[in-house]
Amino acid sequence: MTRVAEDASFEELLDAEGPFQVNPEATRGEQLANIRRIYPLDKERLGCLAIGIEPVD
């Protein structure tokens, strides 16, 4: 794990990280819809974490 960043919403997370860094195969709108299908608004209000990872040799 290389870092952890906290955002108040999934929209803020995608804006801060850049949608390509989260999922290069989906648009920002698609990613937001997919995430919100899994995590409803009451869970999103708890805050969102972006976790950076790198492979280890």
PDB file of N, CA and C in Angstrom:
ATOM      1  N   MET A   1       0.857  -1.164   0.000  1.00  0.00           N
ATOM      2  CA  MET A   1       0.000   0.000   0.000  1.00  0.00           C
ATOM      3  C   MET A   1       0.906   1.230   0.000  1.00  0.00           C
ATOM      4  N   THR A   2       0.599   2.169  -0.903  1.00  0.00           N
ATOM      5  CA  THR A   2       1.453   3.350  -1.019  1.00  0.00           C
ATOM      6  C   THR A   2       0.852   4.599  -0.384  1.00  0.00           C
ATOM      7  N   ARG A   3      -0.476   4.632  -0.288  1.00  0.00           N
ATOM      8  CA  ARG A   3      -1.106   5.811   0.315  1.00  0.00           C
ATOM      9  C   ARG A   3      -2.585   5.553   0.546  1.00  0.00           C
ATOM     10  N   VAL A   4      -3.191   6.400   1.369  1.00  0.00           N
ATOM     11  CA  VAL A   4      -4.631   6.388   1.602  1.00  0.00           C
ATOM     12  C   VAL A   4      -5.100   7.837   1.568  1.00  0.00           C
ATOM     13  N   ALA A   5      -6.162   8.092   0.801  1.00  0.00           N
ATOM     14  CA  ALA A   5      -6.742   9.434   0.733  1.00  0.00           C
ATOM     15  C   ALA A   5      -8.230   9.327   1.059  1.00  0.00           C
ATOM     16  N   GLU A   6      -8.739  10.275   1.812  1.00  0.00           N
ATOM     17  CA  GLU A   6     -10.153  10.275   2.195  1.00  0.00           C
ATOM     18  C   GLU A   6     -10.881  11.408   1.488  1.00  0.00           C
ATOM     19  N   ASP A   7     -12.061  11.105   0.989  1.00  0.00           N
ATOM     20  CA  ASP A   7     -12.921  12.101   0.347  1.00  0.00           C
ATOM     21  C   ASP A   7     -14.314  12.000   0.955  1.00  0.00           C
ATOM     22  N   ALA A   8     -15.077  13.083   0.831  1.00  0.00           N
ATOM     23  CA  ALA A   8     -16.417  13.122   1.415  1.00  0.00           C
ATOM     24  C   ALA A   8     -17.457  12.402   0.566  1.00  0.00           C
ATOM     25  N   SER A   9     -17.179  12.217  -0.732  1.00  0.00           N
ATOM     26  CA  SER A   9     -18.153  11.572  -1.610  1.00  0.00           C
ATOM     27  C   SER A   9     -17.422  10.846  -2.740  1.00  0.00           C
ATOM     28  N   PHE A  10     -18.154   9.986  -3.440  1.00  0.00           N
ATOM     29  CA  PHE A  10     -17.572   9.292  -4.581  1.00  0.00           C
ATOM     30  C   PHE A  10     -17.252  10.267  -5.707  1.00  0.00           C
ATOM     31  N   GLU A  11     -18.052  11.303  -5.849  1.00  0.00           N
ATOM     32  CA  GLU A  11     -17.764  12.313  -6.871  1.00  0.00           C
ATOM     33  C   GLU A  11     -16.435  13.003  -6.571  1.00  0.00           C
ATOM     34  N   GLU A  12     -16.220  13.385  -5.316  1.00  0.00           N
ATOM     35  CA  GLU A  12     -14.954  14.012  -4.928  1.00  0.00           C
ATOM     36  C   GLU A  12     -13.784  13.057  -5.139  1.00  0.00           C
ATOM     37  N   LEU A  13     -13.986  11.787  -4.819  1.00  0.00           N
ATOM     38  CA  LEU A  13     -12.934  10.796  -5.004  1.00  0.00           C
ATOM     39  C   LEU A  13     -12.543  10.684  -6.472  1.00  0.00           C
ATOM     40  N   LEU A  14     -13.533  10.574  -7.360  1.00  0.00           N
ATOM     41  CA  LEU A  14     -13.234  10.463  -8.787  1.00  0.00           C
ATOM     42  C   LEU A  14     -12.592  11.735  -9.324  1.00  0.00           C
ATOM     43  N   ASP A  15     -13.010  12.898  -8.822  1.00  0.00           N
ATOM     44  CA  ASP A  15     -12.389  14.153  -9.243  1.00  0.00           C
ATOM     45  C   ASP A  15     -10.934  14.236  -8.781  1.00  0.00           C
ATOM     46  N   ALA A  16     -10.677  13.808  -7.554  1.00  0.00           N
ATOM     47  CA  ALA A  16      -9.324  13.901  -6.996  1.00  0.00           C
ATOM     48  C   ALA A  16      -8.379  12.871  -7.612  1.00  0.00           C
ATOM     49  N   GLU A  17      -8.855  11.661  -7.808  1.00  0.00           N
ATOM     50  CA  GLU A  17      -7.996  10.582  -8.295  1.00  0.00           C
ATOM     51  C   GLU A  17      -7.923  10.528  -9.811  1.00  0.00           C
ATOM     52  N   GLY A  18      -8.980  10.978 -10.463  1.00  0.00           N
ATOM     53  CA  GLY A  18      -9.079  10.843 -11.908  1.00  0.00           C
ATOM     54  C   GLY A  18      -9.705   9.504 -12.238  1.00  0.00           C
ATOM     55  N   PRO A  19     -10.776   9.498 -12.996  1.00  0.00           N
ATOM     56  CA  PRO A  19     -11.478   8.243 -13.301  1.00  0.00           C
ATOM     57  C   PRO A  19     -10.581   7.182 -13.934  1.00  0.00           C
ATOM     58  N   PHE A  20      -9.610   7.592 -14.738  1.00  0.00           N
ATOM     59  CA  PHE A  20      -8.724   6.623 -15.391  1.00  0.00           C
ATOM     60  C   PHE A  20      -7.919   5.827 -14.367  1.00  0.00           C
ATOM     61  N   GLN A  21      -7.557   6.472 -13.263  1.00  0.00           N
ATOM     62  CA  GLN A  21      -6.785   5.795 -12.212  1.00  0.00           C
ATOM     63  C   GLN A  21      -7.634   4.779 -11.452  1.00  0.00           C
ATOM     64  N   VAL A  22      -8.931   5.008 -11.408  1.00  0.00           N
ATOM     65  CA  VAL A  22      -9.828   4.101 -10.693  1.00  0.00           C
ATOM     66  C   VAL A  22     -10.193   2.920 -11.581  1.00  0.00           C
ATOM     67  N   ASN A  23     -10.632   3.212 -12.805  1.00  0.00           N
ATOM     68  CA  ASN A  23     -10.997   2.164 -13.766  1.00  0.00           C
ATOM     69  C   ASN A  23     -10.816   2.725 -15.173  1.00  0.00           C
ATOM     70  N   PRO A  24      -9.735   2.361 -15.843  1.00  0.00           N
ATOM     71  CA  PRO A  24      -9.459   2.923 -17.170  1.00  0.00           C
ATOM     72  C   PRO A  24     -10.426   2.465 -18.260  1.00  0.00           C
ATOM     73  N   GLU A  25     -11.278   1.515 -17.960  1.00  0.00           N
ATOM     74  CA  GLU A  25     -12.200   0.988 -18.970  1.00  0.00           C
ATOM     75  C   GLU A  25     -13.618   1.546 -18.862  1.00  0.00           C
ATOM     76  N   ALA A  26     -13.855   2.464 -17.942  1.00  0.00           N
ATOM     77  CA  ALA A  26     -15.194   3.019 -17.761  1.00  0.00           C
ATOM     78  C   ALA A  26     -15.127   4.537 -17.641  1.00  0.00           C
ATOM     79  N   THR A  27     -16.166   5.205 -18.110  1.00  0.00           N
ATOM     80  CA  THR A  27     -16.243   6.659 -17.978  1.00  0.00           C
ATOM     81  C   THR A  27     -16.504   7.027 -16.523  1.00  0.00           C
ATOM     82  N   ARG A  28     -16.316   8.289 -16.227  1.00  0.00           N
ATOM     83  CA  ARG A  28     -16.589   8.770 -14.872  1.00  0.00           C
ATOM     84  C   ARG A  28     -18.033   8.475 -14.484  1.00  0.00           C
ATOM     85  N   GLY A  29     -18.971   8.750 -15.385  1.00  0.00           N
ATOM     86  CA  GLY A  29     -20.382   8.509 -15.113  1.00  0.00           C
ATOM     87  C   GLY A  29     -20.692   7.043 -14.871  1.00  0.00           C
ATOM     88  N   GLU A  30     -20.086   6.176 -15.671  1.00  0.00           N
ATOM     89  CA  GLU A  30     -20.285   4.728 -15.483  1.00  0.00           C
ATOM     90  C   GLU A  30     -19.733   4.276 -14.139  1.00  0.00           C
ATOM     91  N   GLN A  31     -18.564   4.780 -13.794  1.00  0.00           N
ATOM     92  CA  GLN A  31     -17.959   4.407 -12.514  1.00  0.00           C
ATOM     93  C   GLN A  31     -18.819   4.865 -11.347  1.00  0.00           C
ATOM     94  N   LEU A  32     -19.299   6.087 -11.418  1.00  0.00           N
ATOM     95  CA  LEU A  32     -20.133   6.616 -10.346  1.00  0.00           C
ATOM     96  C   LEU A  32     -21.405   5.779 -10.191  1.00  0.00           C
ATOM     97  N   ALA A  33     -22.045   5.440 -11.301  1.00  0.00           N
ATOM     98  CA  ALA A  33     -23.259   4.615 -11.250  1.00  0.00           C
ATOM     99  C   ALA A  33     -22.958   3.235 -10.681  1.00  0.00           C
ATOM    100  N   ASN A  34     -21.850   2.626 -11.097  1.00  0.00           N
ATOM    101  CA  ASN A  34     -21.483   1.294 -10.606  1.00  0.00           C
ATOM    102  C   ASN A  34     -21.195   1.298  -9.112  1.00  0.00           C
ATOM    103  N   ILE A  35     -20.450   2.295  -8.652  1.00  0.00           N
ATOM    104  CA  ILE A  35     -20.122   2.395  -7.233  1.00  0.00           C
ATOM    105  C   ILE A  35     -21.397   2.590  -6.411  1.00  0.00           C
ATOM    106  N   ARG A  36     -22.284   3.436  -6.877  1.00  0.00           N
ATOM    107  CA  ARG A  36     -23.504   3.721  -6.115  1.00  0.00           C
ATOM    108  C   ARG A  36     -24.501   2.562  -6.126  1.00  0.00           C
ATOM    109  N   ARG A  37     -24.364   1.651  -7.069  1.00  0.00           N
ATOM    110  CA  ARG A  37     -25.180   0.436  -7.021  1.00  0.00           C
ATOM    111  C   ARG A  37     -24.752  -0.457  -5.870  1.00  0.00           C
ATOM    112  N   ILE A  38     -23.463  -0.417  -5.561  1.00  0.00           N
ATOM    113  CA  ILE A  38     -22.913  -1.239  -4.483  1.00  0.00           C
ATOM    114  C   ILE A  38     -23.067  -0.551  -3.135  1.00  0.00           C
ATOM    115  N   TYR A  39     -22.760   0.739  -3.099  1.00  0.00           N
ATOM    116  CA  TYR A  39     -22.775   1.504  -1.850  1.00  0.00           C
ATOM    117  C   TYR A  39     -23.847   2.590  -1.928  1.00  0.00           C
ATOM    118  N   PRO A  40     -24.970   2.427  -1.242  1.00  0.00           N
ATOM    119  CA  PRO A  40     -26.026   3.430  -1.270  1.00  0.00           C
ATOM    120  C   PRO A  40     -25.590   4.730  -0.579  1.00  0.00           C
ATOM    121  N   LEU A  41     -26.393   5.762  -0.740  1.00  0.00           N
ATOM    122  CA  LEU A  41     -26.068   7.097  -0.234  1.00  0.00           C
ATOM    123  C   LEU A  41     -25.758   7.103   1.261  1.00  0.00           C
ATOM    124  N   ASP A  42     -26.472   6.313   2.057  1.00  0.00           N
ATOM    125  CA  ASP A  42     -26.203   6.317   3.499  1.00  0.00           C
ATOM    126  C   ASP A  42     -24.798   5.794   3.807  1.00  0.00           C
ATOM    127  N   LYS A  43     -24.283   4.897   2.990  1.00  0.00           N
ATOM    128  CA  LYS A  43     -22.906   4.420   3.169  1.00  0.00           C
ATOM    129  C   LYS A  43     -21.898   5.438   2.631  1.00  0.00           C
ATOM    130  N   GLU A  44     -22.228   6.082   1.518  1.00  0.00           N
ATOM    131  CA  GLU A  44     -21.343   7.095   0.948  1.00  0.00           C
ATOM    132  C   GLU A  44     -21.128   8.242   1.931  1.00  0.00           C
ATOM    133  N   ARG A  45     -22.152   8.575   2.685  1.00  0.00           N
ATOM    134  CA  ARG A  45     -22.052   9.676   3.655  1.00  0.00           C
ATOM    135  C   ARG A  45     -21.020   9.407   4.750  1.00  0.00           C
ATOM    136  N   LEU A  46     -20.634   8.141   4.919  1.00  0.00           N
ATOM    137  CA  LEU A  46     -19.625   7.801   5.916  1.00  0.00           C
ATOM    138  C   LEU A  46     -18.225   8.223   5.483  1.00  0.00           C
ATOM    139  N   GLY A  47     -18.060   8.518   4.195  1.00  0.00           N
ATOM    140  CA  GLY A  47     -16.772   8.915   3.644  1.00  0.00           C
ATOM    141  C   GLY A  47     -16.261   7.853   2.697  1.00  0.00           C
ATOM    142  N   CYS A  48     -15.314   8.231   1.865  1.00  0.00           N
ATOM    143  CA  CYS A  48     -14.779   7.346   0.828  1.00  0.00           C
ATOM    144  C   CYS A  48     -13.259   7.348   0.904  1.00  0.00           C
ATOM    145  N   LEU A  49     -12.671   6.168   0.744  1.00  0.00           N
ATOM    146  CA  LEU A  49     -11.226   6.043   0.778  1.00  0.00           C
ATOM    147  C   LEU A  49     -10.698   5.611  -0.580  1.00  0.00           C
ATOM    148  N   ALA A  50      -9.616   6.229  -0.994  1.00  0.00           N
ATOM    149  CA  ALA A  50      -8.863   5.777  -2.166  1.00  0.00           C
ATOM    150  C   ALA A  50      -7.549   5.220  -1.627  1.00  0.00           C
ATOM    151  N   ILE A  51      -7.236   3.991  -2.021  1.00  0.00           N
ATOM    152  CA  ILE A  51      -6.048   3.317  -1.521  1.00  0.00           C
ATOM    153  C   ILE A  51      -5.105   3.054  -2.693  1.00  0.00           C
ATOM    154  N   GLY A  52      -3.903   3.584  -2.605  1.00  0.00           N
ATOM    155  CA  GLY A  52      -2.893   3.355  -3.639  1.00  0.00           C
ATOM    156  C   GLY A  52      -2.139   2.065  -3.356  1.00  0.00           C
ATOM    157  N   ILE A  53      -1.928   1.269  -4.394  1.00  0.00           N
ATOM    158  CA  ILE A  53      -1.195   0.016  -4.236  1.00  0.00           C
ATOM    159  C   ILE A  53      -0.169  -0.139  -5.344  1.00  0.00           C
ATOM    160  N   GLU A  54       0.894  -0.854  -5.061  1.00  0.00           N
ATOM    161  CA  GLU A  54       1.917  -1.179  -6.048  1.00  0.00           C
ATOM    162  C   GLU A  54       2.304  -2.629  -5.852  1.00  0.00           C
ATOM    163  N   PRO A  55       2.606  -3.334  -6.942  1.00  0.00           N
ATOM    164  CA  PRO A  55       3.063  -4.719  -6.783  1.00  0.00           C
ATOM    165  C   PRO A  55       4.428  -4.771  -6.098  1.00  0.00           C
ATOM    166  N   VAL A  56       4.665  -5.841  -5.382  1.00  0.00           N
ATOM    167  CA  VAL A  56       5.933  -6.049  -4.686  1.00  0.00           C
ATOM    168  C   VAL A  56       6.653  -7.195  -5.377  1.00  0.00           C
ATOM    169  N   ASP A  57       7.929  -7.015  -5.636  1.00  0.00           N
ATOM    170  CA  ASP A  57       8.718  -8.089  -6.277  1.00  0.00           C
ATOM    171  C   ASP A  57       8.921  -9.253  -5.362  1.00  0.00           C
TER     172      ASP A  57
END
